[in-house]
Protein backbone atom coordinates (compact mmCIF):
# COMPACT_ATOMS: atom_id res chain seq x y z
CA MET A 1 -0.01 0.23 0.17
CA SER A 2 1.33 3.63 -0.99
CA THR A 3 2.13 5.80 1.37
CA ARG A 4 -0.93 8.25 0.41
CA PHE A 5 -3.33 5.32 1.40
CA TYR A 6 -2.71 5.37 4.70
CA LEU A 7 -2.18 9.28 4.83
CA ARG A 8 -6.08 9.50 3.76
CA ASN A 9 -7.75 6.43 5.84
CA ALA A 10 -5.92 7.87 8.98
CA VAL A 11 -7.39 10.96 8.34
CA LEU A 12 -11.08 10.04 7.41
CA SER A 13 -10.86 7.83 10.45
CA VAL A 14 -9.75 10.63 12.82
CA VAL A 15 -12.90 12.94 11.75
CA MET A 16 -15.76 10.48 11.24
CA ALA A 17 -14.62 9.44 14.68
CA VAL A 18 -15.02 13.42 15.67
CA LEU A 19 -18.31 14.27 13.53
CA TYR A 20 -20.24 11.63 14.83
CA SER A 21 -19.11 11.48 18.61
CA PRO A 22 -21.91 12.87 20.91
CA SER A 23 -22.07 16.36 22.31
CA THR A 24 -24.29 18.12 23.90
CA THR A 25 -22.19 20.85 25.32
CA PHE A 26 -23.14 23.88 23.37
CA ALA A 27 -26.59 22.60 23.03
CA ASP A 28 -26.90 23.03 26.96
CA GLU A 29 -25.24 26.12 26.53
CA LEU A 30 -28.01 27.67 24.44
CA THR A 31 -31.32 26.95 26.53
CA GLY A 32 -31.54 29.92 28.52
CA ARG A 33 -30.77 28.45 31.73
CA ASN A 34 -27.80 28.84 34.13
CA SER A 35 -25.19 26.14 35.48
CA ASN A 36 -27.98 25.09 38.42
CA GLY A 37 -30.59 24.56 35.89
CA ASP A 38 -32.72 27.69 36.48
CA GLN A 39 -34.48 29.71 34.42
CA LEU A 40 -32.38 33.01 33.18
CA THR A 41 -34.15 36.33 33.08
CA ALA A 42 -33.81 38.68 29.98
CA ASP A 43 -32.05 40.90 31.69
CA GLU A 44 -29.43 38.31 32.53
CA CYS A 45 -29.59 37.66 28.73
CA ALA A 46 -28.33 40.98 27.95
CA LEU A 47 -25.19 40.29 29.94
CA ILE A 48 -23.76 37.22 27.44
CA SER A 49 -21.06 38.99 25.22
CA ASN A 50 -21.50 36.32 22.30
CA GLY A 51 -24.15 37.29 20.00
CA VAL A 52 -25.47 34.19 18.93
CA ARG A 53 -25.80 32.91 22.24
CA ARG A 54 -27.19 36.04 23.34
CA LEU A 55 -30.04 36.09 20.49
CA SER A 56 -30.48 32.01 21.24
CA CYS A 57 -31.33 32.77 25.28
CA TYR A 58 -33.67 35.45 24.30
CA ASP A 59 -35.39 32.99 22.30
CA HIS A 60 -35.99 30.57 25.21
CA VAL A 61 -36.86 33.08 27.41
CA LEU A 62 -38.95 34.99 25.50
CA LYS A 63 -40.41 31.59 24.22
CA ALA A 64 -40.53 33.18 20.54
CA SER A 65 -41.35 29.87 18.61
CA GLU A 66 -44.66 29.82 21.04
CA ALA A 67 -45.03 33.93 19.95
CA ARG A 68 -44.75 33.31 16.25
CA GLN A 69 -47.08 30.16 16.51
CA ALA A 70 -49.98 32.34 18.03
CA ALA A 71 -49.52 35.53 15.73
CA ASP A 72 -51.33 36.31 12.81
CA SER A 73 -49.81 35.44 9.70
CA THR A 74 -50.06 39.23 8.69
CA GLU A 75 -48.67 40.44 11.93
CA VAL A 76 -45.89 38.09 11.32
CA ASP A 77 -45.02 39.60 7.79
CA ARG A 78 -45.25 43.28 9.04
CA VAL A 79 -43.23 42.93 12.26
CA GLU A 80 -40.10 40.93 9.82
CA LYS A 81 -40.72 44.09 7.06
CA GLU A 82 -39.86 46.72 9.63
CA ALA A 83 -37.37 44.94 11.09
CA ILE A 84 -35.55 44.45 7.81
CA GLU A 85 -36.33 48.07 7.07
CA SER A 86 -34.33 49.06 10.26
CA LEU A 87 -31.28 47.03 9.10
CA PRO A 88 -28.10 49.18 8.61
CA SER A 89 -27.78 51.06 5.41
CA PRO A 90 -25.22 50.27 3.24
CA ASP A 91 -23.29 53.37 4.21
CA ASP A 92 -24.17 52.40 7.76
CA GLN A 93 -21.83 49.59 7.07
CA GLU A 94 -19.01 51.35 5.56
CA GLN A 95 -19.15 53.26 8.26
CA ARG A 96 -19.03 50.23 10.81
CA ILE A 97 -16.03 49.10 8.77
CA ALA A 98 -14.12 52.84 9.09
CA ASP A 99 -14.93 53.06 12.41
CA ASN A 100 -13.42 49.07 13.48
CA ALA A 101 -10.44 49.98 11.49
CA ASN A 102 -10.03 53.00 13.39
CA ALA A 103 -10.32 50.49 16.59
CA GLY A 104 -7.10 48.94 15.27
CA ASN A 105 -9.89 46.14 14.11
CA SER A 106 -10.27 44.58 10.37
CA VAL A 107 -11.89 41.99 8.16
CA VAL A 108 -10.04 39.13 9.49
CA ASP A 109 -10.74 40.34 13.66
CA GLU A 110 -14.74 40.10 12.20
CA HIS A 111 -14.36 36.97 10.12
CA MET A 112 -12.25 35.04 13.08
CA ALA A 113 -15.08 36.56 15.23
CA ALA A 114 -18.13 35.30 13.05
CA GLU A 115 -16.27 31.91 12.95
CA ARG A 116 -15.95 31.28 16.64
CA ALA A 117 -19.81 32.67 16.92
CA ILE A 118 -21.04 30.42 14.37
CA PHE A 119 -18.73 27.11 15.78
CA SER A 120 -20.59 28.30 19.39
CA PHE A 121 -24.06 27.90 18.05
CA SER A 122 -23.72 24.85 15.79
CA GLY A 123 -20.70 22.98 17.78
CA SER A 124 -19.55 21.79 14.32
CA PHE A 125 -18.64 22.49 10.63
CA VAL A 126 -17.13 26.09 9.80
CA THR A 127 -16.42 27.35 6.40
CA TYR A 128 -12.61 27.11 5.58
CA ARG A 129 -11.78 27.96 1.94
CA PRO A 130 -14.25 29.55 -0.73
CA MET A 131 -17.63 27.53 -1.68
CA TYR A 132 -18.49 28.48 -5.13
CA ILE A 133 -20.50 27.00 -8.05
CA LEU A 134 -19.35 28.01 -11.56
CA PRO A 135 -22.09 26.19 -14.09
CA VAL A 136 -20.78 28.00 -16.89
CA SER A 137 -16.78 28.14 -17.57
CA TRP A 138 -14.32 27.84 -20.28
CA VAL A 139 -11.11 26.93 -20.87
CA LYS A 140 -8.74 28.23 -23.63
CA HIS A 141 -6.00 25.35 -23.64
CA THR A 142 -7.55 22.35 -22.78
CA ASN A 143 -5.33 19.20 -21.97
CA PRO A 144 -6.31 16.06 -23.90
CA VAL A 145 -3.25 14.10 -23.08
CA PRO A 146 -2.03 14.56 -19.75
CA VAL A 147 1.44 13.73 -18.92
CA SER A 148 3.22 12.30 -15.63
CA PRO A 149 7.04 12.02 -15.69
CA ARG A 150 6.78 8.19 -14.32
CA LEU A 151 3.80 6.89 -16.25
CA GLY A 152 4.27 9.02 -19.51
CA GLU A 153 1.15 9.81 -21.88
CA SER A 154 -2.80 8.90 -20.60
CA HIS A 155 -5.75 9.58 -22.68
CA TYR A 156 -9.46 10.48 -22.23
CA ASP A 157 -11.78 7.72 -23.62
CA TYR A 158 -14.15 10.87 -24.92
CA ASP A 159 -13.25 14.23 -27.01
CA MET A 160 -13.10 16.74 -24.49
CA ARG A 161 -15.30 20.39 -24.81
CA HIS A 162 -14.11 23.67 -23.52
CA GLU A 163 -16.86 24.26 -21.48
CA GLU A 164 -17.13 22.91 -18.23
CA ALA A 165 -18.62 23.09 -14.52
CA LYS A 166 -16.36 24.27 -11.96
CA TYR A 167 -17.26 23.59 -8.13
CA GLN A 168 -15.20 23.92 -4.86
CA ILE A 169 -16.40 22.57 -1.46
CA SER A 170 -14.57 23.46 2.04
CA PHE A 171 -15.28 23.19 5.59
CA LYS A 172 -13.09 22.48 8.74
CA VAL A 173 -14.11 20.95 12.24
CA PRO A 174 -11.92 21.61 15.31
CA LEU A 175 -10.62 18.03 16.71
CA LEU A 176 -8.93 19.88 20.15
CA THR A 177 -9.84 23.44 21.39
CA GLY A 178 -8.90 25.63 23.99
CA PHE A 179 -5.10 24.81 25.26
CA PHE A 180 -1.77 27.61 25.15
CA ASP A 181 -4.00 29.72 26.91
CA GLN A 182 -6.85 29.58 24.63
CA SER A 183 -5.15 30.79 22.03
CA ALA A 184 -4.87 27.14 19.98
CA THR A 185 -6.86 25.17 17.99
CA LEU A 186 -6.53 21.54 16.14
CA TRP A 187 -8.43 21.60 13.32
CA PHE A 188 -9.75 18.95 10.82
CA GLY A 189 -9.96 20.87 7.15
CA TYR A 190 -11.30 19.16 3.98
CA THR A 191 -11.20 20.57 0.45
CA GLN A 192 -12.77 19.30 -2.71
CA ARG A 193 -12.56 20.94 -6.51
CA SER A 194 -14.36 19.08 -9.20
CA PHE A 195 -14.41 19.91 -12.90
CA TRP A 196 -17.69 18.79 -14.57
CA GLN A 197 -17.80 18.18 -18.38
CA VAL A 198 -21.61 18.70 -17.78
CA TYR A 199 -22.20 19.79 -21.58
CA ASN A 200 -20.58 17.15 -23.28
CA ARG A 201 -24.25 15.28 -23.24
CA ASP A 202 -22.35 12.64 -25.95
CA GLU A 203 -20.39 10.95 -23.35
CA SER A 204 -22.93 10.89 -20.88
CA ALA A 205 -21.33 14.21 -19.03
CA PRO A 206 -18.28 12.75 -17.29
CA PHE A 207 -16.54 14.66 -14.42
CA ARG A 208 -13.25 14.89 -16.11
CA GLU A 209 -11.09 15.14 -12.69
CA THR A 210 -11.66 15.87 -8.69
CA ASN A 211 -9.16 16.63 -6.39
CA TYR A 212 -9.52 15.45 -2.41
CA GLU A 213 -7.55 17.76 -0.05
CA PRO A 214 -7.85 16.28 3.77
CA GLU A 215 -5.33 17.93 6.10
CA ILE A 216 -4.84 18.42 9.64
CA PHE A 217 -3.56 21.91 11.23
CA LEU A 218 -2.80 23.59 14.41
CA ARG A 219 -3.47 27.40 14.24
CA TYR A 220 -2.22 29.59 16.82
CA GLN A 221 -4.27 32.97 17.43
CA THR A 222 -1.16 35.47 17.66
CA ASP A 223 -3.23 38.96 17.44
CA TRP A 224 0.42 40.36 17.42
CA LYS A 225 0.44 44.14 16.36
CA ILE A 226 2.93 44.46 13.73
CA GLY A 227 2.89 47.86 11.30
CA PRO A 228 -0.56 49.55 10.74
CA GLY A 229 -2.17 45.77 10.73
CA LYS A 230 -1.91 42.38 13.01
CA LEU A 231 -0.37 39.15 12.33
CA ASN A 232 -4.02 37.72 13.23
CA ASN A 233 -3.06 34.03 13.23
CA VAL A 234 -0.51 31.25 12.19
CA THR A 235 -0.87 27.91 11.12
CA VAL A 236 1.42 24.56 10.35
CA GLY A 237 -0.16 20.96 9.14
CA ILE A 238 0.11 18.40 7.01
CA ASN A 239 -1.71 17.84 3.88
CA HIS A 240 -2.73 15.52 1.45
CA GLN A 241 -3.94 15.77 -1.94
CA SER A 242 -4.59 13.32 -4.92
CA ASN A 243 -7.27 12.75 -7.42
CA GLY A 244 -8.16 9.20 -6.85
CA GLN A 245 -7.32 8.10 -10.36
CA PRO A 246 -5.86 4.93 -10.76
CA GLU A 247 -2.46 4.74 -13.20
CA PRO A 248 -1.62 6.62 -15.65
CA GLN A 249 -3.73 9.25 -14.58
CA SER A 250 -2.97 9.11 -10.67
CA ARG A 251 -1.68 12.00 -9.35
CA SER A 252 -0.78 12.99 -5.50
CA TRP A 253 1.54 14.83 -2.94
CA ASN A 254 1.78 15.08 0.54
CA ARG A 255 2.74 18.50 2.40
CA ILE A 256 3.95 20.09 5.70
CA VAL A 257 2.09 23.54 5.28
CA GLY A 258 2.27 26.43 7.37
CA THR A 259 0.58 29.80 6.65
CA ALA A 260 1.04 33.27 8.37
CA THR A 261 -2.51 35.57 8.17
CA TYR A 262 -2.03 39.28 8.38
CA GLY A 263 -5.03 41.98 8.22
CA TYR A 264 -5.55 45.31 8.07
CA ASN A 265 -8.40 47.49 7.36
CA ARG A 266 -10.36 45.73 4.73
CA TRP A 267 -7.15 43.83 3.57
CA MET A 268 -6.01 39.96 4.23
CA PHE A 269 -2.80 39.12 3.11
CA MET A 270 -1.76 34.90 3.79
CA ILE A 271 1.41 33.67 2.92
CA GLN A 272 1.17 29.69 2.91
CA PRO A 273 4.78 27.68 2.48
CA TRP A 274 4.89 24.48 1.99
CA TYR A 275 7.75 21.52 1.97
CA ARG A 276 6.79 18.55 0.07
CA ILE A 277 7.38 15.06 1.82
CA PRO A 278 9.59 12.87 -0.61
CA GLU A 279 7.78 9.82 -1.38
CA SER A 280 9.07 6.54 -2.72
CA SER A 281 10.10 5.87 -6.81
CA LYS A 282 6.39 5.24 -7.17
CA ASP A 283 6.22 9.05 -7.52
CA ASP A 284 3.45 9.93 -10.31
CA ASN A 285 4.14 13.81 -10.15
CA ALA A 286 8.07 14.14 -8.91
CA ASP A 287 8.35 17.39 -10.53
CA ILE A 288 5.37 18.99 -9.18
CA THR A 289 7.27 21.71 -7.83
CA LYS A 290 8.96 23.15 -10.41
CA TYR A 291 5.54 24.08 -11.66
CA LEU A 292 3.95 24.93 -8.57
CA GLY A 293 7.12 26.18 -6.25
CA TYR A 294 6.98 26.15 -2.52
CA ALA A 295 4.25 28.74 -1.76
CA SER A 296 1.48 30.40 -2.43
CA TYR A 297 0.39 34.57 -1.93
CA LEU A 298 -2.79 35.32 -1.28
CA ALA A 299 -4.74 39.23 -1.16
CA VAL A 300 -7.99 39.25 -0.32
CA TYR A 301 -9.78 43.11 -0.13
CA LYS A 302 -13.42 43.79 1.30
CA LEU A 303 -15.07 46.41 -0.48
CA GLY A 304 -18.07 46.19 1.21
CA ASP A 305 -20.36 43.49 3.14
CA ASP A 306 -21.32 42.25 -0.52
CA ARG A 307 -18.25 42.41 -2.46
CA THR A 308 -14.38 40.66 -2.30
CA PHE A 309 -11.84 40.89 -4.87
CA SER A 310 -9.21 37.90 -4.52
CA LEU A 311 -5.91 37.71 -5.45
CA ARG A 312 -3.70 34.22 -5.63
CA MET A 313 -0.29 33.49 -6.93
CA MET A 314 2.06 30.84 -7.01
CA ASN A 315 5.74 30.53 -8.75
CA ASN A 316 8.39 28.00 -8.82
CA LEU A 317 11.08 31.33 -8.24
CA ARG A 318 13.54 29.49 -10.92
CA SER A 319 15.10 30.74 -13.88
CA ASP A 320 12.66 28.52 -15.74
CA ASN A 321 9.78 30.29 -14.43
CA LYS A 322 6.38 29.29 -14.19
CA SER A 323 3.71 31.36 -12.19
CA SER A 324 0.12 31.07 -11.32
CA VAL A 325 -2.53 33.44 -10.78
CA GLU A 326 -6.43 33.20 -9.68
CA PHE A 327 -8.35 36.55 -9.78
CA GLY A 328 -12.08 36.13 -7.93
CA TYR A 329 -14.77 38.44 -7.55
CA SER A 330 -17.90 38.38 -5.45
CA PHE A 331 -20.57 40.61 -5.96
CA PRO A 332 -24.32 40.57 -4.81
CA MET A 333 -26.80 38.73 -6.51
CA GLY A 334 -30.43 38.15 -5.17
CA ASP A 335 -30.73 38.32 -1.19
CA THR A 336 -29.58 34.74 -0.18
CA VAL A 337 -26.13 34.04 -2.28
CA LYS A 338 -23.89 36.23 -4.54
CA GLY A 339 -22.32 36.20 -7.85
CA PHE A 340 -18.87 35.06 -8.51
CA PHE A 341 -16.38 35.97 -11.59
CA GLN A 342 -13.34 33.45 -11.45
CA TYR A 343 -10.25 33.64 -13.61
CA TYR A 344 -7.70 31.36 -13.63
CA ASN A 345 -4.12 31.62 -15.58
CA GLY A 346 -1.22 29.27 -15.01
CA TYR A 347 -0.27 25.54 -13.59
CA GLY A 348 -2.11 23.28 -10.81
CA GLU A 349 -5.69 23.95 -11.07
CA SER A 350 -6.23 20.49 -10.95
CA LEU A 351 -3.44 17.75 -10.43
CA ILE A 352 -4.34 16.00 -13.74
CA ASP A 353 -2.65 19.23 -15.21
CA TYR A 354 -0.15 20.35 -12.89
CA ASN A 355 2.19 20.71 -15.44
CA HIS A 356 -0.29 22.00 -18.21
CA ARG A 357 -0.85 25.99 -18.16
CA ILE A 358 -4.50 26.14 -18.04
CA GLU A 359 -6.56 29.62 -18.66
CA ARG A 360 -10.04 29.26 -17.47
CA PHE A 361 -12.82 31.99 -17.37
CA GLY A 362 -16.02 31.58 -15.21
CA ILE A 363 -19.02 32.49 -13.80
CA GLY A 364 -21.55 31.46 -11.18
CA ILE A 365 -22.26 31.31 -7.19
CA MET A 366 -20.50 31.70 -4.69
CA LEU A 367 -21.32 30.44 -1.39
CA ASN A 368 -18.95 31.61 0.85
CA ASN A 369 -15.66 33.78 0.81
CA TRP A 370 -12.43 34.19 2.23
CA LEU A 371 -13.83 36.94 4.30
């Protein structure tokens, strides 16, 4: 068995144990009762600092669900309409961002605070990397004959189209929390990126490539003031990425990955260096660092609460220079989702094409962004 087989199964065993182990800690904290089981009052609920827990406490104390069921539907619609109208305007949201910046906070601080609140409420999954669906994307130079330095050429058993769908899902689950002065958390993260020849109806719309990326990493919240902003956190962990294909289309690698995240006002900067863990002689892509280098660099700018720009780059830092760039822009579209445009030019968008330059334009829906 290969090293990646054992790593993949070990990681999956850990996450399954965590996901299916019973826990009522967070549920007990959200019932509007104190440690003795006595019902809290509304005034006592107001003293809870966490916004999600405070709202849940109010719901229980004021019996919100019973009041809603007993109310007339017209009255419910009227109150909800008035509540929406009372929400902060875009100008107010812009002022809030400016006020936070003046107070030394950034959009990264807000994001981490929201992450803690969501986990406090759910006690389960939280978002990790961006999740999006690009039902329409177009590739300028397809790669019908993927090449591996060990396995040689391989061929798809269908004619590849330039148009395809692309989507990414990503989440993380805390495995251990509250150590090193409450600032460190051990996470399990999982990201999956798929490329779907959905418009290739003559060939039953096959999935051309899917990349699976489980990882375990330790994140330490530093909050160190450096220059005008803050070094918010650093991480270190073990990352596995593979496409789950048999030879000759098999691709995979294991890495030790670190990150450093710096926030300033509406900006987030992230550098993510890695060291590839050496593999046996059966290495499907021994020259992958020649194309992807040893780090990625990310800059994110949050124009407002509903618009975000992102730019991610990789470079091999060699005389035979090879670089990759990914640009994303999310924008409002309806009340619940955001539109998303993505442009990719370079190597490593998918493992099967790690050594082939891809240029892609895509448009779709953003489910959640970096911030």
